[in-house]
Amino acid sequence: MDNYKTLKEEAYAANMEIPARGLAIYTWGNASAFDWSMGAFAIKPSGVPYGELKPQDMVVVDLDGTVVEGRLRPSSDAPTHRALYRAFDRLGGVTHTHSSYATAWAQAGKSIPIFGTTHADHTSQAIPCVPFVTEEAVVRDYETETGILIVNTFRSMEINPLETPMTLVAGHGVFTWGESAAKSVYHATVIEEVAKIAFLTLAINPQARSLPDYIVTKHYERKHGRNAYYGQ
């Protein structure tokens, strides 16, 4: 009996959403699903094209980085996922992509400002771009240090990772997370669309101003606040 069958199926479904949503081509992304009771996550195997994947190909890794189930090597980004799971409470999934518009903002080293309500519906903060990983960190353990850099940046900026479940890494790409693997891919789709809209906004008006705080608060709170009334 495969004790990780459900977890691997969740990770597989999330990974298949990445190309379905136009967030990656070839092997340019990965998603994982985490089970707190097992202390392990299932993640895409390294370098396998999405069209060749099957649920049983997902690799299960524990929080010490040990492969506990799977015949293939896990994604090279698995240590970054692991660092996020270890540091941020209540995560059930992490997604990494190199989607075009969001990655362009990352390569520019720019956080994505809140220009409109589409952005504010999902987070009340500018989407942060964490700095370049240092040379020493790359030599030490590049993928793990990338996760640690995200965690330390969020803590230093006092950003709640549950309220801003997405980030850019300078020169690299996108990491998002959520209470499930499916939600983490949803956030990866959101950040790409928000990045695209922000780019177009600045193309139309390079002097565009951020959305006023009172509108940001209204849109975020009506969807996520204590008295939220958006939806059924």
Protein backbone atom coordinates (compact mmCIF):
# COMPACT_ATOMS: atom_id res chain seq x y z
CA MET A 1 0.00 0.00 0.00
CA ASP A 2 1.31 3.45 -0.94
CA ASN A 3 0.97 5.67 2.14
CA TYR A 4 1.77 8.72 0.05
CA LYS A 5 -0.69 8.10 -2.80
CA THR A 6 -3.03 10.99 -1.97
CA LEU A 7 -0.14 13.39 -1.39
CA LYS A 8 1.47 12.46 -4.70
CA GLU A 9 -1.83 12.86 -6.53
CA GLU A 10 -2.24 16.35 -5.05
CA ALA A 11 1.29 17.31 -6.11
CA TYR A 12 0.75 15.88 -9.59
CA ALA A 13 -2.48 17.83 -10.08
CA ALA A 14 -0.76 21.06 -8.99
CA ASN A 15 2.17 20.48 -11.34
CA MET A 16 -0.17 19.86 -14.27
CA GLU A 17 -1.85 23.21 -13.56
CA ILE A 18 1.46 25.03 -14.17
CA PRO A 19 1.56 24.49 -17.96
CA ALA A 20 -2.26 24.55 -18.17
CA ARG A 21 -2.18 28.13 -16.83
CA GLY A 22 0.69 29.13 -19.10
CA LEU A 23 3.10 29.58 -16.20
CA ALA A 24 5.96 27.48 -17.56
CA ILE A 25 7.24 25.66 -20.64
CA TYR A 26 9.28 22.47 -20.81
CA THR A 27 10.45 21.86 -17.21
CA TRP A 28 10.53 25.49 -16.03
CA GLY A 29 8.64 25.12 -12.77
CA ASN A 30 7.57 22.82 -9.98
CA ALA A 31 4.96 22.45 -7.28
CA SER A 32 4.84 20.48 -4.06
CA ALA A 33 2.17 19.31 -1.64
CA PHE A 34 2.92 19.07 2.08
CA ASP A 35 1.32 16.87 4.75
CA TRP A 36 2.02 18.12 8.28
CA SER A 37 0.98 14.83 9.90
CA MET A 38 3.56 12.97 7.81
CA GLY A 39 6.16 15.74 7.97
CA ALA A 40 6.83 15.26 4.27
CA PHE A 41 6.05 16.78 0.89
CA ALA A 42 5.60 15.37 -2.60
CA ILE A 43 7.29 17.30 -5.41
CA LYS A 44 7.88 17.09 -9.15
CA PRO A 45 10.93 15.03 -10.17
CA SER A 46 13.84 16.98 -11.60
CA GLY A 47 13.97 17.64 -15.33
CA VAL A 48 10.92 15.60 -16.35
CA PRO A 49 8.66 17.38 -18.88
CA TYR A 50 5.08 17.93 -17.73
CA GLY A 51 3.64 15.81 -20.53
CA GLU A 52 5.57 12.78 -19.32
CA LEU A 53 4.60 13.03 -15.67
CA LYS A 54 2.41 10.54 -13.82
CA PRO A 55 1.21 10.73 -10.18
CA GLN A 56 3.53 7.89 -9.22
CA ASP A 57 6.53 9.90 -10.47
CA MET A 58 6.18 12.44 -7.65
CA VAL A 59 9.01 12.22 -5.12
CA VAL A 60 8.34 12.38 -1.39
CA VAL A 61 10.87 14.27 0.75
CA ASP A 62 10.88 14.85 4.51
CA LEU A 63 11.80 18.07 6.31
CA ASP A 64 15.37 16.86 6.78
CA GLY A 65 15.75 16.60 3.02
CA THR A 66 15.70 12.81 2.88
CA VAL A 67 13.85 11.13 0.01
CA VAL A 68 11.43 8.77 1.73
CA GLU A 69 9.60 7.52 -1.37
CA GLY A 70 10.22 7.72 -5.09
CA ARG A 71 12.46 6.28 -7.80
CA LEU A 72 13.47 9.61 -9.37
CA ARG A 73 15.46 12.56 -8.09
CA PRO A 74 13.31 15.37 -6.66
CA SER A 75 13.28 18.83 -8.20
CA SER A 76 16.51 20.74 -7.69
CA ASP A 77 14.34 23.39 -5.99
CA ALA A 78 13.15 20.95 -3.31
CA PRO A 79 15.48 22.49 -0.66
CA THR A 80 13.84 25.90 -1.24
CA HIS A 81 10.40 24.36 -0.75
CA ARG A 82 11.66 22.64 2.38
CA ALA A 83 13.02 25.90 3.83
CA LEU A 84 9.64 27.57 3.32
CA TYR A 85 7.73 24.69 4.92
CA ARG A 86 10.05 24.72 7.92
CA ALA A 87 9.72 28.47 8.47
CA PHE A 88 6.15 29.40 7.51
CA ASP A 89 3.26 27.89 9.46
CA ARG A 90 0.15 26.41 7.87
CA LEU A 91 1.54 25.88 4.40
CA GLY A 92 0.18 22.98 2.39
CA GLY A 93 1.79 23.75 -0.94
CA VAL A 94 4.58 25.67 -2.67
CA THR A 95 4.95 26.54 -6.37
CA HIS A 96 7.97 27.86 -8.28
CA THR A 97 7.75 29.20 -11.83
CA HIS A 98 9.55 31.36 -14.34
CA SER A 99 6.37 32.87 -15.77
CA SER A 100 7.15 35.66 -18.21
CA TYR A 101 5.88 38.91 -16.70
CA ALA A 102 6.56 38.08 -13.06
CA THR A 103 10.05 36.85 -13.92
CA ALA A 104 10.71 40.05 -15.85
CA TRP A 105 9.97 42.02 -12.66
CA ALA A 106 12.32 39.66 -10.77
CA GLN A 107 15.07 40.16 -13.34
CA ALA A 108 14.60 43.90 -13.02
CA GLY A 109 14.95 43.50 -9.24
CA LYS A 110 11.66 45.33 -8.69
CA SER A 111 8.79 44.66 -6.32
CA ILE A 112 5.34 44.90 -7.93
CA PRO A 113 3.47 48.01 -6.69
CA ILE A 114 -0.25 48.01 -5.98
CA PHE A 115 -1.68 49.93 -8.90
CA GLY A 116 -5.22 48.56 -8.73
CA THR A 117 -7.89 46.54 -7.03
CA THR A 118 -6.96 43.30 -8.83
CA HIS A 119 -3.73 43.31 -6.83
CA ALA A 120 -5.40 44.50 -3.61
CA ASP A 121 -7.96 41.69 -3.77
CA HIS A 122 -5.12 39.25 -3.09
CA THR A 123 -2.66 41.13 -0.89
CA SER A 124 -2.52 44.55 0.71
CA GLN A 125 1.26 44.75 0.13
CA ALA A 126 3.47 45.38 -2.85
CA ILE A 127 4.67 41.94 -3.94
CA PRO A 128 8.26 41.94 -2.68
CA CYS A 129 11.33 41.14 -4.72
CA VAL A 130 13.95 39.69 -2.41
CA PRO A 131 17.58 40.63 -3.20
CA PHE A 132 20.12 38.59 -5.12
CA VAL A 133 21.46 35.55 -3.31
CA THR A 134 25.01 36.31 -2.18
CA GLU A 135 28.02 34.53 -3.67
CA GLU A 136 28.77 32.95 -0.30
CA ALA A 137 25.22 31.60 -0.07
CA VAL A 138 25.44 30.13 -3.57
CA VAL A 139 28.63 28.30 -2.65
CA ARG A 140 27.18 27.14 0.68
CA ASP A 141 23.86 25.72 -0.57
CA TYR A 142 22.17 27.71 -3.32
CA GLU A 143 18.66 26.26 -3.19
CA THR A 144 18.38 26.13 0.60
CA GLU A 145 19.81 29.62 0.92
CA THR A 146 17.24 30.91 -1.58
CA GLY A 147 14.49 29.72 0.76
CA ILE A 148 16.23 31.20 3.79
CA LEU A 149 16.61 34.50 1.94
CA ILE A 150 12.86 34.61 1.27
CA VAL A 151 12.10 33.84 4.90
CA ASN A 152 14.55 36.40 6.27
CA THR A 153 13.33 39.10 3.88
CA PHE A 154 9.71 38.57 4.88
CA ARG A 155 10.67 38.70 8.56
CA SER A 156 12.82 41.81 8.21
CA MET A 157 10.07 43.59 6.27
CA GLU A 158 7.45 42.33 8.74
CA ILE A 159 5.38 40.81 5.94
CA ASN A 160 2.89 38.14 6.95
CA PRO A 161 3.46 35.22 4.54
CA LEU A 162 -0.16 34.13 4.91
CA GLU A 163 -1.39 37.55 3.79
CA THR A 164 1.21 37.92 1.03
CA PRO A 165 1.65 34.34 -0.21
CA MET A 166 3.94 35.20 -3.10
CA THR A 167 7.32 36.69 -3.83
CA LEU A 168 9.91 37.35 -6.50
CA VAL A 169 13.57 36.41 -6.17
CA ALA A 170 15.88 38.90 -7.91
CA GLY A 171 17.29 37.56 -11.15
CA HIS A 172 15.49 34.26 -10.69
CA GLY A 173 11.72 33.91 -10.65
CA VAL A 174 8.58 33.32 -8.63
CA PHE A 175 7.77 31.44 -5.43
CA THR A 176 4.23 31.20 -4.12
CA TRP A 177 2.53 29.17 -1.42
CA GLY A 178 -0.83 28.44 0.18
CA GLU A 179 -2.82 26.16 2.42
CA SER A 180 -2.77 23.54 -0.36
CA ALA A 181 -0.75 22.76 -3.45
CA ALA A 182 -3.70 23.88 -5.60
CA LYS A 183 -3.83 27.22 -3.79
CA SER A 184 -0.11 27.77 -4.29
CA VAL A 185 -0.57 27.38 -8.07
CA TYR A 186 -3.55 29.72 -7.89
CA HIS A 187 -1.27 32.33 -6.31
CA ALA A 188 1.35 31.70 -9.01
CA THR A 189 -1.34 32.44 -11.60
CA VAL A 190 -2.38 35.58 -9.71
CA ILE A 191 1.14 36.99 -9.46
CA GLU A 192 1.70 36.48 -13.19
CA GLU A 193 -1.50 38.35 -14.09
CA VAL A 194 -0.81 41.13 -11.58
CA ALA A 195 2.74 41.47 -12.93
CA LYS A 196 1.40 41.72 -16.49
CA ILE A 197 -1.19 44.36 -15.55
CA ALA A 198 1.42 46.39 -13.63
CA PHE A 199 3.79 46.28 -16.62
CA LEU A 200 1.05 47.50 -18.95
CA THR A 201 0.06 50.20 -16.47
CA LEU A 202 3.58 51.64 -16.49
CA ALA A 203 3.77 51.32 -20.28
CA ILE A 204 0.62 53.46 -20.58
CA ASN A 205 1.56 55.86 -17.80
CA PRO A 206 5.13 55.74 -16.43
CA GLN A 207 4.03 58.11 -13.65
CA ALA A 208 1.17 55.89 -12.49
CA ARG A 209 0.54 56.17 -8.75
CA SER A 210 -0.17 53.38 -6.30
CA LEU A 211 -3.76 52.73 -5.33
CA PRO A 212 -4.77 54.85 -2.30
CA ASP A 213 -4.47 53.00 1.00
CA TYR A 214 -8.17 53.31 1.81
CA ILE A 215 -9.12 51.50 -1.42
CA VAL A 216 -6.43 48.86 -0.84
CA THR A 217 -7.81 48.21 2.64
CA LYS A 218 -11.39 48.04 1.43
CA HIS A 219 -10.68 45.53 -1.30
CA TYR A 220 -8.44 43.33 0.81
CA GLU A 221 -10.74 43.35 3.83
CA ARG A 222 -13.92 42.65 1.91
CA LYS A 223 -12.34 39.42 0.70
CA HIS A 224 -10.06 38.40 3.58
CA GLY A 225 -11.05 40.46 6.63
CA ARG A 226 -13.01 39.41 9.71
CA ASN A 227 -16.22 40.72 8.17
CA ALA A 228 -15.48 39.65 4.61
CA TYR A 229 -18.52 39.55 2.34
CA TYR A 230 -17.07 38.66 -1.04
CA GLY A 231 -18.36 35.35 -2.43
CA GLN A 232 -20.92 32.87 -1.15
